Amino acid sequence: MSNKIYKEPIKEEMETTINVLYSENKLSLYTNKVNLQKKLNKLLGEPTKEYKIKRSIVGSTWDIPLKEKDKITKIILKANIYEL
């Protein structure tokens, strides 16, 4: 994995979205939180899509098949997606 440059979002614009796409049989996870993107990169590997402005990453999306329950469990337990 190369050295990636992340752009920290404005606090009011931070978001994490989890969509369950039943017709496509997958879970789609989007975040623009830098710490969470780094954790998910370690847990899940490279994202399906990275959103960039110039060379900086401003958000990432991972698509996980619903049958991969181990990955989904890791996301919930280890990535602390809720950051409570």
C-alpha atoms as a PDB file:
ATOM      1  CA  MET A   1       0.000   0.000   0.000  1.00  0.00           C
ATOM      2  CA  SER A   2       1.480   3.322  -1.037  1.00  0.00           C
ATOM      3  CA  ASN A   3       1.558   6.409   1.143  1.00  0.00           C
ATOM      4  CA  LYS A   4      -1.873   7.994   0.789  1.00  0.00           C
ATOM      5  CA  ILE A   5      -2.752  11.606   1.422  1.00  0.00           C
ATOM      6  CA  TYR A   6      -6.109  12.160   3.102  1.00  0.00           C
ATOM      7  CA  LYS A   7      -7.934  15.476   3.337  1.00  0.00           C
ATOM      8  CA  GLU A   8      -9.617  16.062   6.678  1.00  0.00           C
ATOM      9  CA  PRO A   9     -13.271  17.078   6.148  1.00  0.00           C
ATOM     10  CA  ILE A  10     -14.920  20.002   7.881  1.00  0.00           C
ATOM     11  CA  LYS A  11     -16.382  18.703  11.153  1.00  0.00           C
ATOM     12  CA  GLU A  12     -19.955  19.527  10.119  1.00  0.00           C
ATOM     13  CA  GLU A  13     -19.489  17.592   6.862  1.00  0.00           C
ATOM     14  CA  MET A  14     -18.129  14.332   8.339  1.00  0.00           C
ATOM     15  CA  GLU A  15     -20.242  11.346   7.450  1.00  0.00           C
ATOM     16  CA  THR A  16     -20.337   7.575   7.321  1.00  0.00           C
ATOM     17  CA  THR A  17     -23.075   5.868   5.355  1.00  0.00           C
ATOM     18  CA  ILE A  18     -23.915   2.163   5.379  1.00  0.00           C
ATOM     19  CA  ASN A  19     -26.330   0.920   2.734  1.00  0.00           C
ATOM     20  CA  VAL A  20     -27.596  -2.622   2.399  1.00  0.00           C
ATOM     21  CA  LEU A  21     -28.278  -3.222  -1.293  1.00  0.00           C
ATOM     22  CA  TYR A  22     -30.463  -6.317  -1.226  1.00  0.00           C
ATOM     23  CA  SER A  23     -30.959  -6.465  -4.990  1.00  0.00           C
ATOM     24  CA  GLU A  24     -27.166  -6.504  -5.489  1.00  0.00           C
ATOM     25  CA  ASN A  25     -26.596  -8.675  -2.387  1.00  0.00           C
ATOM     26  CA  LYS A  26     -23.970  -6.346  -0.925  1.00  0.00           C
ATOM     27  CA  LEU A  27     -23.256  -3.884   1.849  1.00  0.00           C
ATOM     28  CA  SER A  28     -21.899  -0.532   0.692  1.00  0.00           C
ATOM     29  CA  LEU A  29     -19.934   1.524   3.207  1.00  0.00           C
ATOM     30  CA  TYR A  30     -18.891   5.137   2.527  1.00  0.00           C
ATOM     31  CA  THR A  31     -16.930   7.415   4.836  1.00  0.00           C
ATOM     32  CA  ASN A  32     -14.973  10.626   4.633  1.00  0.00           C
ATOM     33  CA  LYS A  33     -13.530  10.318   8.165  1.00  0.00           C
ATOM     34  CA  VAL A  34      -9.751   9.988   7.826  1.00  0.00           C
ATOM     35  CA  ASN A  35      -9.173   7.729  10.863  1.00  0.00           C
ATOM     36  CA  LEU A  36     -11.982   5.398   9.828  1.00  0.00           C
ATOM     37  CA  GLN A  37     -10.710   5.215   6.241  1.00  0.00           C
ATOM     38  CA  LYS A  38      -7.283   4.155   7.524  1.00  0.00           C
ATOM     39  CA  LYS A  39      -8.795   1.506   9.834  1.00  0.00           C
ATOM     40  CA  LEU A  40     -10.981   0.109   7.072  1.00  0.00           C
ATOM     41  CA  ASN A  41      -8.006   0.008   4.694  1.00  0.00           C
ATOM     42  CA  LYS A  42      -6.199  -2.220   7.202  1.00  0.00           C
ATOM     43  CA  LEU A  43      -9.241  -4.427   7.899  1.00  0.00           C
ATOM     44  CA  LEU A  44     -10.749  -4.760   4.435  1.00  0.00           C
ATOM     45  CA  GLY A  45      -7.991  -3.792   2.036  1.00  0.00           C
ATOM     46  CA  GLU A  46      -8.232  -1.281  -0.759  1.00  0.00           C
ATOM     47  CA  PRO A  47     -11.611   0.460  -1.188  1.00  0.00           C
ATOM     48  CA  THR A  48     -13.835  -0.174  -4.192  1.00  0.00           C
ATOM     49  CA  LYS A  49     -13.697   3.543  -4.986  1.00  0.00           C
ATOM     50  CA  GLU A  50     -11.711   6.509  -3.684  1.00  0.00           C
ATOM     51  CA  TYR A  51     -12.985  10.049  -4.164  1.00  0.00           C
ATOM     52  CA  LYS A  52     -10.186  12.557  -4.708  1.00  0.00           C
ATOM     53  CA  ILE A  53      -9.638  16.268  -5.018  1.00  0.00           C
ATOM     54  CA  LYS A  54      -6.327  16.679  -6.800  1.00  0.00           C
ATOM     55  CA  ARG A  55      -4.051  14.160  -5.019  1.00  0.00           C
ATOM     56  CA  SER A  56      -5.885  14.066  -1.674  1.00  0.00           C
ATOM     57  CA  ILE A  57      -8.440  11.395  -0.797  1.00  0.00           C
ATOM     58  CA  VAL A  58     -11.664  12.968   0.482  1.00  0.00           C
ATOM     59  CA  GLY A  59     -13.761   9.793   0.824  1.00  0.00           C
ATOM     60  CA  SER A  60     -13.776   6.046   0.222  1.00  0.00           C
ATOM     61  CA  THR A  61     -16.363   3.364  -0.543  1.00  0.00           C
ATOM     62  CA  TRP A  62     -16.142  -0.342   0.149  1.00  0.00           C
ATOM     63  CA  ASP A  63     -18.587  -2.862  -1.329  1.00  0.00           C
ATOM     64  CA  ILE A  64     -18.793  -6.095   0.662  1.00  0.00           C
ATOM     65  CA  PRO A  65     -20.882  -9.091  -0.449  1.00  0.00           C
ATOM     66  CA  LEU A  66     -23.476  -9.990   2.199  1.00  0.00           C
ATOM     67  CA  LYS A  67     -22.198 -13.569   2.243  1.00  0.00           C
ATOM     68  CA  GLU A  68     -18.855 -12.346   3.687  1.00  0.00           C
ATOM     69  CA  LYS A  69     -20.120 -12.240   7.259  1.00  0.00           C
ATOM     70  CA  ASP A  70     -16.591 -12.255   8.724  1.00  0.00           C
ATOM     71  CA  LYS A  71     -15.762  -8.934   7.070  1.00  0.00           C
ATOM     72  CA  ILE A  72     -19.054  -7.387   8.149  1.00  0.00           C
ATOM     73  CA  THR A  73     -18.425  -8.527  11.736  1.00  0.00           C
ATOM     74  CA  LYS A  74     -14.915  -7.015  11.659  1.00  0.00           C
ATOM     75  CA  ILE A  75     -16.342  -3.708  10.498  1.00  0.00           C
ATOM     76  CA  ILE A  76     -18.824  -3.552  13.344  1.00  0.00           C
ATOM     77  CA  LEU A  77     -16.525  -4.825  16.100  1.00  0.00           C
ATOM     78  CA  LYS A  78     -13.051  -3.554  15.222  1.00  0.00           C
ATOM     79  CA  ALA A  79     -13.448  -0.450  13.071  1.00  0.00           C
ATOM     80  CA  ASN A  80     -15.594   1.408  15.634  1.00  0.00           C
ATOM     81  CA  ILE A  81     -17.682   2.892  12.837  1.00  0.00           C
ATOM     82  CA  TYR A  82     -19.964   4.566  15.356  1.00  0.00           C
ATOM     83  CA  GLU A  83     -17.108   6.330  17.190  1.00  0.00           C
ATOM     84  CA  LEU A  84     -19.204   6.793  20.302  1.00  0.00           C
END
